[in-house]
Amino acid sequence: MPTLQVDGAVLTQSLAICEFLDELHPQPLLLPTDPVERAQVRGFAQAIACDIHPLQNLKILQMLRARGLDEEAVNGWAREVIQAGLEACSRLIADRGGPYCFGHQVTLADICLIPQLGNARRFGARIDYPRIEAIEAACNALPAFAAAVPIRQPDAE
C-alpha cells in the first residue's frame, strides 16, 4: 500500500497522498481551480485508481490463481480489465486539447494514467489510443515523470 510518513503521521492511498502534496505544495496545481474541471480530473483519476488498478493488483491476481485459474487466464482477465478501463478513459479525454489529459498542465489524471500504462504493458493490454499515446509521450518528456519510472526507484525489484 502506498504510504507517506509526515511529521509522525502516516498517510495512505495514492490519491489521498497526491491531494495532500498538492495542498502542501500548490504549484503546480494537480487539480484545476474550476470546480467542474476539478471534478472531471478527479473522476478520471478515480476511474484508474478505483476501477482499473485494484482489479489487477497482486492480491486480486493471487486470489484468482487460488480459485484455480491458470496464469494465462489470470493475465487475460487483468488485460481485459485494463483494456476496458483505458477505453473508457480515452473517451473521457477524447475532446480535450493540450499535451496532457486535461489541457496544458499536468494534473492528477496524468499522474494516475502513466503508471497504469506500465501495468497495461505488463499484461499486454491494448494501449494504442492516439490521445493516450500522445499524453504518455508528453509526460515522459518531463523530468519528474522520467525520475518516477519504477525501475529508477531504490526498492525496484
Protein backbone atom coordinates (compact mmCIF):
# COMPACT_ATOMS: atom_id res chain seq x y z
CA MET A 1 0.00 0.00 0.00
CA PRO A 2 1.39 3.44 -0.80
CA THR A 3 2.45 5.15 2.40
CA LEU A 4 3.88 8.56 3.21
CA GLN A 5 5.13 9.45 6.67
CA VAL A 6 4.95 13.14 7.53
CA ASP A 7 5.84 14.51 10.96
CA GLY A 8 4.90 11.26 12.65
CA ALA A 9 1.63 10.88 10.72
CA VAL A 10 1.15 8.02 8.30
CA LEU A 11 -0.81 8.80 5.14
CA THR A 12 -2.07 6.03 2.87
CA GLN A 13 -3.62 5.65 -0.57
CA SER A 14 -2.15 7.27 -3.65
CA LEU A 15 -4.94 9.75 -4.35
CA ALA A 16 -5.05 10.98 -0.76
CA ILE A 17 -1.27 11.38 -0.74
CA CYS A 18 -1.30 13.24 -4.06
CA GLU A 19 -4.02 15.62 -2.86
CA PHE A 20 -2.12 16.17 0.41
CA LEU A 21 1.04 17.04 -1.53
CA ASP A 22 -0.97 19.30 -3.84
CA GLU A 23 -2.33 21.19 -0.82
CA LEU A 24 1.12 21.39 0.77
CA HIS A 25 2.89 22.43 -2.45
CA PRO A 26 0.23 24.12 -4.59
CA GLN A 27 2.48 24.95 -7.52
CA PRO A 28 1.88 23.50 -9.95
CA LEU A 29 -1.70 22.62 -9.05
CA LEU A 30 -2.61 18.99 -9.65
CA LEU A 31 -6.32 19.84 -9.53
CA PRO A 32 -7.78 22.72 -11.53
CA THR A 33 -9.36 25.63 -9.68
CA ASP A 34 -12.61 25.41 -11.67
CA PRO A 35 -14.98 23.09 -9.74
CA VAL A 36 -16.28 21.30 -12.86
CA GLU A 37 -12.80 20.71 -14.26
CA ARG A 38 -11.58 19.62 -10.81
CA ALA A 39 -14.40 17.05 -10.62
CA GLN A 40 -13.58 15.82 -14.15
CA VAL A 41 -9.91 15.35 -13.26
CA ARG A 42 -10.86 13.55 -10.05
CA GLY A 43 -13.31 11.37 -11.95
CA PHE A 44 -10.67 10.34 -14.46
CA ALA A 45 -8.11 9.67 -11.71
CA GLN A 46 -10.65 7.65 -9.74
CA ALA A 47 -11.58 5.62 -12.82
CA ILE A 48 -7.99 4.40 -12.81
CA ALA A 49 -7.37 4.24 -9.07
CA CYS A 50 -10.74 2.70 -8.15
CA ASP A 51 -11.99 0.84 -11.22
CA ILE A 52 -8.93 -0.38 -13.13
CA HIS A 53 -5.91 -0.63 -10.88
CA PRO A 54 -7.39 -2.53 -7.91
CA LEU A 55 -8.65 -5.32 -10.15
CA GLN A 56 -5.16 -6.17 -11.34
CA ASN A 57 -3.32 -5.76 -8.05
CA LEU A 58 -1.17 -8.68 -6.92
CA LYS A 59 -3.64 -9.59 -4.12
CA ILE A 60 -6.52 -9.97 -6.59
CA LEU A 61 -4.45 -11.92 -9.10
CA GLN A 62 -3.31 -14.29 -6.34
CA MET A 63 -6.95 -14.83 -5.35
CA LEU A 64 -7.79 -15.75 -8.94
CA ARG A 65 -4.92 -18.25 -9.02
CA ALA A 66 -6.07 -19.71 -5.69
CA ARG A 67 -9.51 -20.25 -7.27
CA GLY A 68 -7.96 -22.38 -9.98
CA LEU A 69 -7.28 -20.00 -12.85
CA ASP A 70 -4.03 -20.71 -14.64
CA GLU A 71 -1.50 -17.95 -15.36
CA GLU A 72 -2.80 -17.35 -18.86
CA ALA A 73 -6.37 -16.92 -17.61
CA VAL A 74 -5.28 -14.60 -14.78
CA ASN A 75 -3.23 -12.43 -17.12
CA GLY A 76 -6.03 -12.44 -19.68
CA TRP A 77 -8.51 -11.28 -17.04
CA ALA A 78 -6.18 -8.45 -15.96
CA ARG A 79 -5.63 -7.48 -19.60
CA GLU A 80 -9.40 -7.30 -20.25
CA VAL A 81 -9.97 -5.14 -17.15
CA ILE A 82 -7.21 -2.75 -18.18
CA GLN A 83 -8.34 -2.54 -21.80
CA ALA A 84 -11.94 -1.81 -20.85
CA GLY A 85 -10.79 0.85 -18.40
CA LEU A 86 -8.41 2.52 -20.82
CA GLU A 87 -11.11 2.53 -23.49
CA ALA A 88 -13.41 4.37 -21.08
CA CYS A 89 -10.63 6.76 -20.08
CA SER A 90 -9.80 7.51 -23.71
CA ARG A 91 -13.43 8.56 -24.25
CA LEU A 92 -13.31 10.86 -21.20
CA ILE A 93 -10.45 12.88 -22.70
CA ALA A 94 -11.11 12.45 -26.42
CA ASP A 95 -12.21 16.04 -26.98
CA ARG A 96 -9.60 17.64 -24.74
CA GLY A 97 -6.80 19.72 -26.21
CA GLY A 98 -3.29 20.20 -24.93
CA PRO A 99 -0.48 17.77 -24.32
CA TYR A 100 -1.90 16.36 -21.08
CA CYS A 101 -5.16 14.68 -20.11
CA PHE A 102 -6.93 17.93 -19.27
CA GLY A 103 -5.05 20.59 -21.15
CA HIS A 104 -1.70 22.31 -20.90
CA GLN A 105 -0.86 21.43 -17.31
CA VAL A 106 -0.13 18.07 -15.70
CA THR A 107 -2.93 17.05 -13.36
CA LEU A 108 -3.77 14.20 -11.05
CA ALA A 109 -5.24 12.47 -14.11
CA ASP A 110 -1.84 12.27 -15.80
CA ILE A 111 -0.20 11.11 -12.58
CA CYS A 112 -2.64 8.18 -12.46
CA LEU A 113 -2.62 7.39 -16.17
CA ILE A 114 1.12 6.99 -16.77
CA PRO A 115 1.77 4.23 -14.19
CA GLN A 116 -1.37 2.42 -15.36
CA LEU A 117 0.11 2.30 -18.86
CA GLY A 118 3.10 0.47 -17.38
CA ASN A 119 0.73 -2.13 -15.95
CA ALA A 120 -1.07 -2.30 -19.28
CA ARG A 121 2.19 -3.20 -21.00
CA ARG A 122 2.98 -5.77 -18.33
CA PHE A 123 -0.22 -7.64 -19.18
CA GLY A 124 -0.10 -7.00 -22.93
CA ALA A 125 -3.19 -4.78 -22.89
CA ARG A 126 -4.13 -2.60 -25.82
CA ILE A 127 -2.87 0.96 -25.31
CA ASP A 128 -2.96 2.27 -28.87
CA TYR A 129 -5.31 5.14 -28.24
CA PRO A 130 -3.81 8.13 -30.07
CA ARG A 131 -4.71 10.68 -27.39
CA ILE A 132 -3.35 8.46 -24.60
CA GLU A 133 -0.16 7.75 -26.56
CA ALA A 134 0.40 11.50 -27.08
CA ILE A 135 -0.19 12.20 -23.38
CA GLU A 136 2.25 9.48 -22.40
CA ALA A 137 4.92 10.94 -24.70
CA ALA A 138 4.38 14.44 -23.30
CA CYS A 139 4.55 13.22 -19.70
CA ASN A 140 7.59 11.02 -20.27
CA ALA A 141 9.44 14.05 -21.65
CA LEU A 142 9.15 15.72 -18.24
CA PRO A 143 11.99 15.15 -15.74
CA ALA A 144 9.60 14.34 -12.86
CA PHE A 145 7.94 11.53 -14.82
CA ALA A 146 11.30 10.21 -16.03
CA ALA A 147 12.55 10.12 -12.44
CA ALA A 148 9.42 8.29 -11.26
CA VAL A 149 9.79 5.30 -13.58
CA PRO A 150 9.61 2.20 -11.33
CA ILE A 151 12.97 0.81 -12.44
CA ARG A 152 14.63 4.01 -11.17
CA GLN A 153 13.27 3.58 -7.65
CA PRO A 154 15.67 2.37 -4.95
CA ASP A 155 13.36 -0.52 -4.00
CA ALA A 156 12.72 -1.70 -7.58
CA GLU A 157 12.86 -5.45 -7.98
